[in-house]
Each structure stands twice: as structure tokens, then as C-alpha cells.
N, C-alpha and C. Protein backbone atom coordinates (compact mmCIF):
# COMPACT_ATOMS: atom_id res chain seq x y z
N MET A 1 0.86 -1.17 0.02
CA MET A 1 0.00 -0.03 -0.03
C MET A 1 0.84 1.24 0.03
N ILE A 2 0.56 2.20 -0.84
CA ILE A 2 1.31 3.36 -0.96
C ILE A 2 0.55 4.46 -0.16
N GLU A 3 1.28 5.07 0.80
CA GLU A 3 0.71 6.05 1.67
C GLU A 3 0.72 7.42 0.96
N SER A 4 -0.23 8.27 1.30
CA SER A 4 -0.18 9.67 0.79
C SER A 4 0.91 10.40 1.45
N SER A 5 1.78 10.98 0.52
CA SER A 5 2.95 11.69 1.02
C SER A 5 2.97 13.09 0.47
N MET A 6 1.89 13.49 -0.22
CA MET A 6 1.85 14.85 -0.75
C MET A 6 0.48 15.49 -0.46
N MET A 7 0.52 16.83 -0.41
CA MET A 7 -0.75 17.59 -0.13
C MET A 7 -1.02 18.44 -1.36
N GLN A 8 -2.31 18.47 -1.73
CA GLN A 8 -2.74 19.46 -2.75
C GLN A 8 -3.31 20.55 -1.94
N LEU A 9 -2.65 21.74 -2.11
CA LEU A 9 -3.08 22.98 -1.36
C LEU A 9 -3.72 23.95 -2.28
N LYS A 10 -4.68 24.67 -1.84
CA LYS A 10 -5.22 25.85 -2.47
C LYS A 10 -4.79 27.04 -1.64
N VAL A 11 -4.11 27.94 -2.25
CA VAL A 11 -3.64 29.19 -1.55
C VAL A 11 -4.39 30.37 -2.25
N THR A 12 -5.24 31.04 -1.39
CA THR A 12 -6.12 32.08 -1.91
C THR A 12 -5.65 33.48 -1.35
N LEU A 13 -5.44 34.40 -2.17
CA LEU A 13 -5.12 35.80 -1.74
C LEU A 13 -6.42 36.41 -1.44
N LYS A 14 -6.59 36.84 -0.19
CA LYS A 14 -7.91 37.36 0.23
C LYS A 14 -8.05 38.86 -0.08
N ASP A 15 -9.29 39.21 -0.17
CA ASP A 15 -9.66 40.63 -0.27
C ASP A 15 -9.07 41.34 -1.50
N VAL A 16 -8.98 40.67 -2.62
CA VAL A 16 -8.60 41.25 -3.91
C VAL A 16 -9.54 40.86 -4.98
N LYS A 17 -9.65 41.70 -5.99
CA LYS A 17 -10.51 41.46 -7.13
C LYS A 17 -9.57 41.64 -8.31
N PRO A 18 -9.58 40.78 -9.34
CA PRO A 18 -10.39 39.55 -9.40
C PRO A 18 -9.83 38.50 -8.39
N ASP A 19 -10.73 37.50 -8.17
CA ASP A 19 -10.26 36.51 -7.23
C ASP A 19 -8.97 35.86 -7.71
N THR A 20 -8.06 35.64 -6.74
CA THR A 20 -6.76 35.26 -6.99
C THR A 20 -6.35 34.06 -6.14
N TRP A 21 -5.98 32.94 -6.77
CA TRP A 21 -5.63 31.71 -6.05
C TRP A 21 -4.66 30.80 -6.83
N ARG A 22 -4.07 29.96 -6.20
CA ARG A 22 -3.10 29.00 -6.79
C ARG A 22 -3.29 27.64 -6.15
N ARG A 23 -3.28 26.56 -7.02
CA ARG A 23 -3.31 25.23 -6.53
C ARG A 23 -1.95 24.57 -6.72
N VAL A 24 -1.35 24.01 -5.72
CA VAL A 24 -0.02 23.51 -5.75
C VAL A 24 0.05 22.16 -4.91
N VAL A 25 0.95 21.31 -5.41
CA VAL A 25 1.18 20.07 -4.66
C VAL A 25 2.64 20.20 -4.02
N VAL A 26 2.62 19.87 -2.78
CA VAL A 26 3.85 19.92 -1.91
C VAL A 26 3.98 18.66 -1.09
N PRO A 27 5.11 18.30 -0.65
CA PRO A 27 5.37 17.08 0.17
C PRO A 27 4.73 17.39 1.62
N THR A 28 4.35 16.38 2.32
CA THR A 28 3.84 16.53 3.70
C THR A 28 4.95 16.91 4.60
N SER A 29 6.17 16.72 4.23
CA SER A 29 7.30 17.01 5.00
C SER A 29 7.77 18.55 4.90
N ILE A 30 6.94 19.34 4.27
CA ILE A 30 7.32 20.72 4.14
C ILE A 30 7.20 21.51 5.44
N ARG A 31 8.27 22.34 5.69
CA ARG A 31 8.31 23.17 6.87
C ARG A 31 7.66 24.53 6.41
N TYR A 32 7.30 25.35 7.39
CA TYR A 32 6.74 26.66 7.11
C TYR A 32 7.70 27.57 6.39
N ASP A 33 8.97 27.54 6.58
CA ASP A 33 9.89 28.34 5.94
C ASP A 33 9.92 28.04 4.46
N GLN A 34 9.78 26.73 4.15
CA GLN A 34 9.75 26.27 2.70
C GLN A 34 8.46 26.69 2.04
N LEU A 35 7.37 26.57 2.80
CA LEU A 35 6.09 26.94 2.27
C LEU A 35 6.02 28.49 2.03
N HIS A 36 6.71 29.21 2.78
CA HIS A 36 6.80 30.69 2.57
C HIS A 36 7.50 30.94 1.22
N ALA A 37 8.61 30.22 0.97
CA ALA A 37 9.34 30.34 -0.31
C ALA A 37 8.42 29.98 -1.47
N ILE A 38 7.69 28.97 -1.38
CA ILE A 38 6.71 28.52 -2.43
C ILE A 38 5.66 29.55 -2.66
N ILE A 39 5.12 30.09 -1.64
CA ILE A 39 4.05 31.16 -1.79
C ILE A 39 4.66 32.41 -2.43
N GLN A 40 5.86 32.69 -2.12
CA GLN A 40 6.48 33.88 -2.78
C GLN A 40 6.53 33.65 -4.30
N VAL A 41 6.93 32.47 -4.73
CA VAL A 41 7.02 32.14 -6.16
C VAL A 41 5.60 32.16 -6.77
N LEU A 42 4.62 31.48 -6.09
CA LEU A 42 3.33 31.34 -6.61
C LEU A 42 2.65 32.68 -6.97
N PHE A 43 2.92 33.69 -6.17
CA PHE A 43 2.21 35.00 -6.29
C PHE A 43 3.06 36.12 -6.83
N GLY A 44 4.34 35.77 -7.20
CA GLY A 44 5.27 36.76 -7.70
C GLY A 44 5.72 37.79 -6.71
N TRP A 45 5.73 37.41 -5.39
CA TRP A 45 6.15 38.31 -4.39
C TRP A 45 7.70 38.37 -4.48
N THR A 46 8.35 39.35 -3.78
CA THR A 46 9.73 39.61 -3.91
C THR A 46 10.48 39.25 -2.63
N ASN A 47 9.82 38.64 -1.65
CA ASN A 47 10.45 38.28 -0.32
C ASN A 47 11.17 39.55 0.29
N SER A 48 10.49 40.68 0.32
CA SER A 48 10.97 41.92 0.77
C SER A 48 10.45 42.31 2.07
N HIS A 49 9.58 41.53 2.67
CA HIS A 49 8.80 41.88 3.86
C HIS A 49 8.74 40.67 4.82
N LEU A 50 8.41 41.00 6.06
CA LEU A 50 8.19 39.98 7.07
C LEU A 50 6.92 39.32 6.83
N HIS A 51 6.71 38.12 7.41
CA HIS A 51 5.52 37.31 7.20
C HIS A 51 5.30 36.43 8.43
N SER A 52 4.10 35.83 8.48
CA SER A 52 3.81 34.91 9.53
C SER A 52 2.74 33.90 9.09
N PHE A 53 2.62 32.85 9.75
CA PHE A 53 1.60 31.75 9.56
C PHE A 53 0.86 31.58 10.86
N SER A 54 -0.47 31.37 10.80
CA SER A 54 -1.23 31.08 11.97
C SER A 54 -2.35 30.08 11.60
N PRO A 55 -2.49 28.94 12.32
CA PRO A 55 -3.66 28.07 12.12
C PRO A 55 -4.92 28.89 12.35
N VAL A 56 -5.89 28.71 11.52
CA VAL A 56 -7.19 29.36 11.73
C VAL A 56 -7.89 29.00 13.08
N ASP A 57 -7.83 27.78 13.41
CA ASP A 57 -8.41 27.23 14.65
C ASP A 57 -7.70 27.57 15.88
N ASP A 58 -6.43 28.15 15.75
CA ASP A 58 -5.58 28.57 16.85
C ASP A 58 -4.77 29.82 16.53
N PRO A 59 -5.43 30.89 16.37
CA PRO A 59 -4.69 32.18 15.95
C PRO A 59 -3.66 32.67 16.92
N THR A 60 -3.61 32.15 18.13
CA THR A 60 -2.59 32.54 19.10
C THR A 60 -1.27 31.86 18.80
N THR A 61 -1.26 30.79 17.96
CA THR A 61 -0.08 30.17 17.51
C THR A 61 0.43 30.84 16.29
N GLU A 62 1.66 31.24 16.28
CA GLU A 62 2.20 32.00 15.12
C GLU A 62 3.61 31.49 14.82
N TYR A 63 3.79 31.21 13.50
CA TYR A 63 5.15 30.73 13.00
C TYR A 63 5.72 31.89 12.17
N GLY A 64 7.05 32.06 12.26
CA GLY A 64 7.67 33.09 11.49
C GLY A 64 9.13 33.05 11.72
N ILE A 65 9.83 34.14 11.39
CA ILE A 65 11.24 34.23 11.50
C ILE A 65 11.50 34.76 12.88
N VAL A 66 12.40 34.07 13.61
CA VAL A 66 12.68 34.49 15.02
C VAL A 66 14.09 35.05 14.95
N MET A 67 14.21 36.30 15.30
CA MET A 67 15.48 37.01 15.40
C MET A 67 15.70 37.60 16.77
N GLN A 68 16.13 36.73 17.68
CA GLN A 68 16.16 37.11 19.16
C GLN A 68 17.02 38.28 19.41
N ASP A 69 18.17 38.39 18.66
CA ASP A 69 19.08 39.53 18.96
C ASP A 69 18.38 40.83 18.57
N LEU A 70 17.46 40.80 17.67
CA LEU A 70 16.69 42.03 17.29
C LEU A 70 15.41 42.16 17.97
N ASP A 71 15.08 41.26 18.83
CA ASP A 71 13.81 41.28 19.56
C ASP A 71 12.63 41.27 18.59
N VAL A 72 12.81 40.54 17.46
CA VAL A 72 11.73 40.35 16.43
C VAL A 72 11.23 39.00 16.51
N GLY A 73 9.94 38.71 16.56
CA GLY A 73 9.36 37.43 16.53
C GLY A 73 9.69 36.66 17.82
N ASP A 74 9.85 37.27 18.94
CA ASP A 74 10.24 36.61 20.21
C ASP A 74 9.18 35.73 20.70
N LYS A 75 7.84 35.94 20.26
CA LYS A 75 6.79 35.10 20.70
C LYS A 75 6.39 34.11 19.64
N MET A 76 7.05 34.23 18.43
CA MET A 76 6.77 33.30 17.32
C MET A 76 7.47 31.99 17.52
N LEU A 77 6.85 30.93 16.97
CA LEU A 77 7.59 29.71 16.82
C LEU A 77 8.44 29.77 15.56
N ASP A 78 9.57 29.16 15.59
CA ASP A 78 10.52 29.28 14.45
C ASP A 78 9.96 28.42 13.28
N GLU A 79 9.70 29.12 12.17
CA GLU A 79 9.09 28.45 11.02
C GLU A 79 10.04 27.37 10.40
N SER A 80 11.30 27.55 10.63
CA SER A 80 12.30 26.58 10.07
C SER A 80 12.35 25.22 10.87
N GLU A 81 11.64 25.22 11.95
CA GLU A 81 11.67 24.06 12.87
C GLU A 81 10.25 23.45 13.02
N ASN A 82 9.27 23.94 12.19
CA ASN A 82 7.90 23.42 12.41
C ASN A 82 7.34 23.09 10.98
N PHE A 83 6.62 21.99 11.00
CA PHE A 83 6.01 21.49 9.76
C PHE A 83 4.63 21.96 9.60
N ALA A 84 4.13 22.22 8.38
CA ALA A 84 2.81 22.79 8.11
C ALA A 84 1.72 21.65 8.15
N TYR A 85 2.05 20.40 7.79
CA TYR A 85 1.06 19.34 7.65
C TYR A 85 0.21 19.14 8.91
N PRO A 86 0.80 19.07 10.16
CA PRO A 86 -0.11 18.89 11.32
C PRO A 86 -1.17 19.94 11.47
N ASP A 87 -0.81 21.17 11.16
CA ASP A 87 -1.86 22.29 11.29
C ASP A 87 -2.85 22.14 10.15
N LEU A 88 -2.35 21.91 8.95
CA LEU A 88 -3.28 21.77 7.76
C LEU A 88 -4.20 20.64 7.91
N GLU A 89 -3.79 19.59 8.54
CA GLU A 89 -4.64 18.41 8.74
C GLU A 89 -5.87 18.78 9.59
N LYS A 90 -5.66 19.79 10.47
CA LYS A 90 -6.73 20.19 11.42
C LYS A 90 -7.60 21.33 10.77
N GLY A 91 -7.12 22.06 9.79
CA GLY A 91 -7.90 23.06 9.15
C GLY A 91 -7.00 24.11 8.41
N ASP A 92 -7.59 25.16 7.98
CA ASP A 92 -6.82 26.11 7.17
C ASP A 92 -5.83 26.89 8.02
N VAL A 93 -4.86 27.39 7.25
CA VAL A 93 -3.83 28.17 7.82
C VAL A 93 -3.76 29.51 7.18
N THR A 94 -3.56 30.57 7.95
CA THR A 94 -3.49 31.95 7.38
C THR A 94 -2.04 32.36 7.26
N TYR A 95 -1.66 32.88 6.10
CA TYR A 95 -0.30 33.39 5.82
C TYR A 95 -0.43 34.85 5.63
N ILE A 96 0.29 35.68 6.34
CA ILE A 96 0.28 37.20 6.12
C ILE A 96 1.68 37.54 5.66
N TYR A 97 1.71 38.27 4.51
CA TYR A 97 2.94 38.78 3.99
C TYR A 97 2.87 40.27 4.01
N ASP A 98 3.94 40.86 4.45
CA ASP A 98 4.10 42.35 4.57
C ASP A 98 3.04 42.87 5.61
N PHE A 99 3.57 43.06 6.81
CA PHE A 99 2.71 43.40 7.94
C PHE A 99 2.16 44.81 7.72
N GLY A 100 2.70 45.69 6.91
CA GLY A 100 2.07 46.94 6.64
C GLY A 100 0.90 46.83 5.68
N ALA A 101 1.06 46.10 4.57
CA ALA A 101 -0.02 45.95 3.62
C ALA A 101 -0.92 44.78 3.98
N SER A 102 -0.43 43.83 4.75
CA SER A 102 -1.20 42.73 5.30
C SER A 102 -1.82 41.94 4.06
N TRP A 103 -1.00 41.43 3.19
CA TRP A 103 -1.46 40.58 2.11
C TRP A 103 -1.77 39.21 2.82
N THR A 104 -3.07 38.96 2.93
CA THR A 104 -3.53 37.76 3.64
C THR A 104 -3.93 36.69 2.67
N HIS A 105 -3.34 35.48 2.97
CA HIS A 105 -3.54 34.28 2.13
C HIS A 105 -4.15 33.20 2.98
N GLN A 106 -5.19 32.53 2.47
CA GLN A 106 -5.79 31.38 3.12
C GLN A 106 -5.20 30.10 2.51
N ILE A 107 -4.65 29.20 3.30
CA ILE A 107 -4.05 28.00 2.81
C ILE A 107 -4.98 26.83 3.23
N GLU A 108 -5.50 26.13 2.25
CA GLU A 108 -6.43 25.03 2.49
C GLU A 108 -5.82 23.74 2.00
N LEU A 109 -5.84 22.64 2.79
CA LEU A 109 -5.49 21.42 2.29
C LEU A 109 -6.65 20.80 1.62
N GLU A 110 -6.64 20.66 0.33
CA GLU A 110 -7.78 20.22 -0.49
C GLU A 110 -7.82 18.66 -0.48
N LYS A 111 -6.66 18.05 -0.66
CA LYS A 111 -6.64 16.56 -0.62
C LYS A 111 -5.27 16.02 -0.48
N MET A 112 -5.15 14.83 -0.04
CA MET A 112 -3.86 14.11 -0.05
C MET A 112 -3.70 13.36 -1.36
N ILE A 113 -2.41 13.23 -1.74
CA ILE A 113 -2.13 12.60 -3.00
C ILE A 113 -1.12 11.51 -2.79
N THR A 114 -1.34 10.36 -3.36
CA THR A 114 -0.41 9.26 -3.19
C THR A 114 0.71 9.41 -4.29
N MET A 115 1.83 8.78 -4.12
CA MET A 115 2.93 8.77 -5.02
C MET A 115 2.45 8.17 -6.41
N LYS A 116 1.63 7.14 -6.30
CA LYS A 116 1.13 6.51 -7.55
C LYS A 116 0.23 7.56 -8.34
N ALA A 117 -0.64 8.26 -7.67
CA ALA A 117 -1.47 9.18 -8.36
C ALA A 117 -0.57 10.33 -8.97
N PHE A 118 0.43 10.73 -8.16
CA PHE A 118 1.33 11.80 -8.62
C PHE A 118 2.03 11.32 -9.94
N LEU A 119 2.56 10.14 -9.96
CA LEU A 119 3.27 9.68 -11.09
C LEU A 119 2.37 9.45 -12.24
N GLN A 120 1.12 8.94 -12.03
CA GLN A 120 0.11 8.72 -13.10
C GLN A 120 -0.25 10.05 -13.71
N ALA A 121 -0.21 11.16 -12.99
CA ALA A 121 -0.49 12.48 -13.52
C ALA A 121 0.70 13.08 -14.28
N LYS A 122 1.83 12.32 -14.33
CA LYS A 122 2.94 12.67 -15.05
C LYS A 122 3.63 13.92 -14.58
N HIS A 123 3.55 14.14 -13.27
CA HIS A 123 4.33 15.30 -12.68
C HIS A 123 5.77 14.84 -12.51
N HIS A 124 6.68 15.72 -12.60
CA HIS A 124 8.10 15.39 -12.60
C HIS A 124 8.85 16.15 -11.50
N GLN A 125 8.16 16.97 -10.68
CA GLN A 125 8.86 17.66 -9.62
C GLN A 125 7.97 18.05 -8.51
N LEU A 126 8.50 18.33 -7.35
CA LEU A 126 7.79 18.89 -6.25
C LEU A 126 8.53 20.09 -5.81
N PRO A 127 7.88 21.15 -5.56
CA PRO A 127 6.44 21.45 -5.69
C PRO A 127 6.10 21.60 -7.24
N VAL A 128 4.80 21.44 -7.54
CA VAL A 128 4.27 21.69 -8.79
C VAL A 128 2.95 22.48 -8.71
N VAL A 129 2.88 23.50 -9.50
CA VAL A 129 1.56 24.33 -9.52
C VAL A 129 0.66 23.62 -10.56
N LEU A 130 -0.58 23.39 -10.18
CA LEU A 130 -1.56 22.72 -11.02
C LEU A 130 -2.36 23.68 -11.71
N ALA A 131 -2.84 24.76 -11.04
CA ALA A 131 -3.87 25.69 -11.61
C ALA A 131 -3.74 27.01 -10.85
N GLY A 132 -4.42 27.99 -11.33
CA GLY A 132 -4.53 29.23 -10.67
C GLY A 132 -5.44 30.21 -11.40
N LYS A 133 -5.69 31.32 -10.71
CA LYS A 133 -6.55 32.32 -11.25
C LYS A 133 -6.10 33.62 -10.69
N GLY A 134 -6.15 34.63 -11.50
CA GLY A 134 -5.86 36.03 -11.08
C GLY A 134 -4.39 36.36 -11.20
N PRO A 135 -4.18 37.64 -11.35
CA PRO A 135 -2.73 38.13 -11.58
C PRO A 135 -1.91 38.18 -10.37
N GLU A 136 -0.63 38.30 -10.60
CA GLU A 136 0.29 38.67 -9.49
C GLU A 136 -0.08 40.10 -9.04
N ARG A 137 0.46 40.52 -7.93
CA ARG A 137 0.26 41.87 -7.41
C ARG A 137 1.59 42.58 -7.32
N ILE A 138 1.62 43.86 -7.54
CA ILE A 138 2.79 44.60 -7.32
C ILE A 138 2.78 45.04 -5.85
N GLU A 139 3.79 44.68 -5.09
CA GLU A 139 3.75 44.80 -3.65
C GLU A 139 3.57 46.22 -3.18
N ALA A 140 4.29 47.10 -3.75
CA ALA A 140 4.28 48.51 -3.26
C ALA A 140 2.95 49.16 -3.52
N THR A 141 2.22 48.82 -4.55
CA THR A 141 0.98 49.57 -4.91
C THR A 141 -0.31 48.81 -4.84
N GLY A 142 -0.14 47.44 -4.97
CA GLY A 142 -1.34 46.62 -4.96
C GLY A 142 -1.87 46.47 -6.34
N ASP A 143 -1.27 47.16 -7.28
CA ASP A 143 -1.80 47.12 -8.69
C ASP A 143 -1.57 45.69 -9.22
N ARG A 144 -2.29 45.35 -10.23
CA ARG A 144 -2.14 44.05 -10.94
C ARG A 144 -0.73 43.96 -11.59
N GLY A 145 -0.12 42.84 -11.41
CA GLY A 145 1.16 42.61 -12.05
C GLY A 145 1.02 41.62 -13.19
N GLY A 146 1.94 40.76 -13.38
CA GLY A 146 1.92 39.79 -14.50
C GLY A 146 0.77 38.79 -14.30
N ALA A 147 0.41 38.20 -15.46
CA ALA A 147 -0.73 37.21 -15.46
C ALA A 147 -0.19 35.88 -14.87
N PHE A 148 -1.08 35.13 -14.39
CA PHE A 148 -0.73 33.73 -13.80
C PHE A 148 -0.14 32.94 -14.97
N ASP A 149 1.07 32.45 -14.70
CA ASP A 149 1.85 31.69 -15.72
C ASP A 149 2.39 30.42 -15.08
N PRO A 150 1.63 29.29 -15.26
CA PRO A 150 2.14 28.08 -14.55
C PRO A 150 3.43 27.52 -15.14
N GLN A 151 3.73 27.78 -16.39
CA GLN A 151 5.06 27.32 -16.94
C GLN A 151 6.15 28.04 -16.39
N LYS A 152 6.02 29.35 -16.10
CA LYS A 152 7.08 30.13 -15.48
C LYS A 152 7.24 29.70 -14.02
N ILE A 153 6.15 29.52 -13.26
CA ILE A 153 6.22 29.14 -11.88
C ILE A 153 6.85 27.77 -11.76
N ASN A 154 6.45 26.81 -12.59
CA ASN A 154 7.01 25.49 -12.47
C ASN A 154 8.47 25.45 -12.87
N GLY A 155 8.85 26.32 -13.79
CA GLY A 155 10.28 26.53 -14.18
C GLY A 155 11.06 26.98 -13.00
N LEU A 156 10.58 27.97 -12.26
CA LEU A 156 11.27 28.48 -11.10
C LEU A 156 11.34 27.35 -10.02
N PHE A 157 10.26 26.66 -9.83
CA PHE A 157 10.27 25.54 -8.83
C PHE A 157 11.33 24.52 -9.29
N GLY A 158 11.48 24.23 -10.61
CA GLY A 158 12.50 23.32 -11.06
C GLY A 158 13.88 23.83 -10.78
N GLU A 159 14.09 25.14 -10.87
CA GLU A 159 15.36 25.71 -10.60
C GLU A 159 15.79 25.59 -9.11
N PHE A 160 14.75 25.72 -8.33
CA PHE A 160 15.01 25.68 -6.84
C PHE A 160 15.03 24.26 -6.29
N ALA A 161 14.62 23.30 -7.01
CA ALA A 161 14.53 21.85 -6.53
C ALA A 161 15.81 21.49 -5.86
N GLY A 162 15.59 21.02 -4.64
CA GLY A 162 16.78 20.59 -3.81
C GLY A 162 17.50 21.68 -3.06
N SER A 163 17.04 22.85 -3.17
CA SER A 163 17.76 23.98 -2.47
C SER A 163 16.77 24.97 -1.85
N TRP A 164 15.60 24.44 -1.37
CA TRP A 164 14.71 25.34 -0.74
C TRP A 164 15.18 26.02 0.48
N ASP A 165 16.10 25.36 1.17
CA ASP A 165 16.66 25.99 2.38
C ASP A 165 17.48 27.22 2.05
N GLU A 166 18.01 27.26 0.78
CA GLU A 166 18.94 28.40 0.39
C GLU A 166 18.10 29.38 -0.44
N ALA A 167 16.92 29.00 -0.94
CA ALA A 167 16.13 29.88 -1.93
C ALA A 167 15.83 31.20 -1.29
N TYR A 168 15.37 31.19 0.07
CA TYR A 168 14.97 32.40 0.72
C TYR A 168 15.58 32.47 2.06
């Protein structure tokens, strides 16, 4: 029996028109810092701002970058030491990028995927974006940026394969 080792996630950028979302497959072993890097690529963000993750059912729990010498994130759990799957298994997770602009994303675990199903779909890498809707956003203005381009996104994922710890 082949166990499910991948998650199909739907990441929705909240409070924007037109509706903007991305569907992506990631391993269940993904940490929050790696998920942050993936979301940056999915939405064309530039990794220029702070961010955090919080389970919707437990908003007092917060994952992010802990910089103790700068007194930043002292109450946060270290995103590089925590996995997303246990929280996603319980419900949605909120990702906020840029605390000034508060770009809020809802992360939903849509379904689990087995290796067999992954291979039958002829996917060749993890992560892989499957679908999406809505344009990228320009961080400084909120204006619409480039159109959703799954080939470009998967090309970037392919370049980063094996180096997510170093990507961001």
C-alpha cells in the first residue's frame, strides 16, 4: 500500500479582485519556511517583507522568523523548525505577507495525493503548480502585475529543486 505523502493545497489571496488563487502540490514534510518560499514564487512576491503563519483554529499560535538579537518574533515559533502538515490536517492556515500591507492568504488542504497518483499524472517535480486564477500583485502599490503563468512558476520551482533551504 502506498501512503499519501503529498498535499494538494489551494492558496487564496484574500480581499482582492479579481479572485486570485493557486493550486499546488507539496510534500507533507514541508516546513513553514519552505512553504513561505513557495508562496513567494506562486504569487510573484519579492520576499522583501516579514511574514507569519497562523492556524485558523488557533490564531494565538504564530510561526515566522525568529530574530532574538533584534527582539523580532520573540513570541513566534521558528518556521524553520515546524512542519505545516499537522496544522493543515486540522484546518486552514493563514499566511500574512508584509505586515504593513497585510497581504492575507488562506491555505487550504484540499486533498492528499499518493505517489502512485502523482506519477500517473506525469508530474516530474515537487512542488508543482496545477492551476490558478488572477494576476500577481505589485507589492508597493497593490496594482495588478503579471498574469498567472504556470510554466514560469514550475520553471522556477524546477530551478529551486533541492535547494529550498537556500532559496529564501
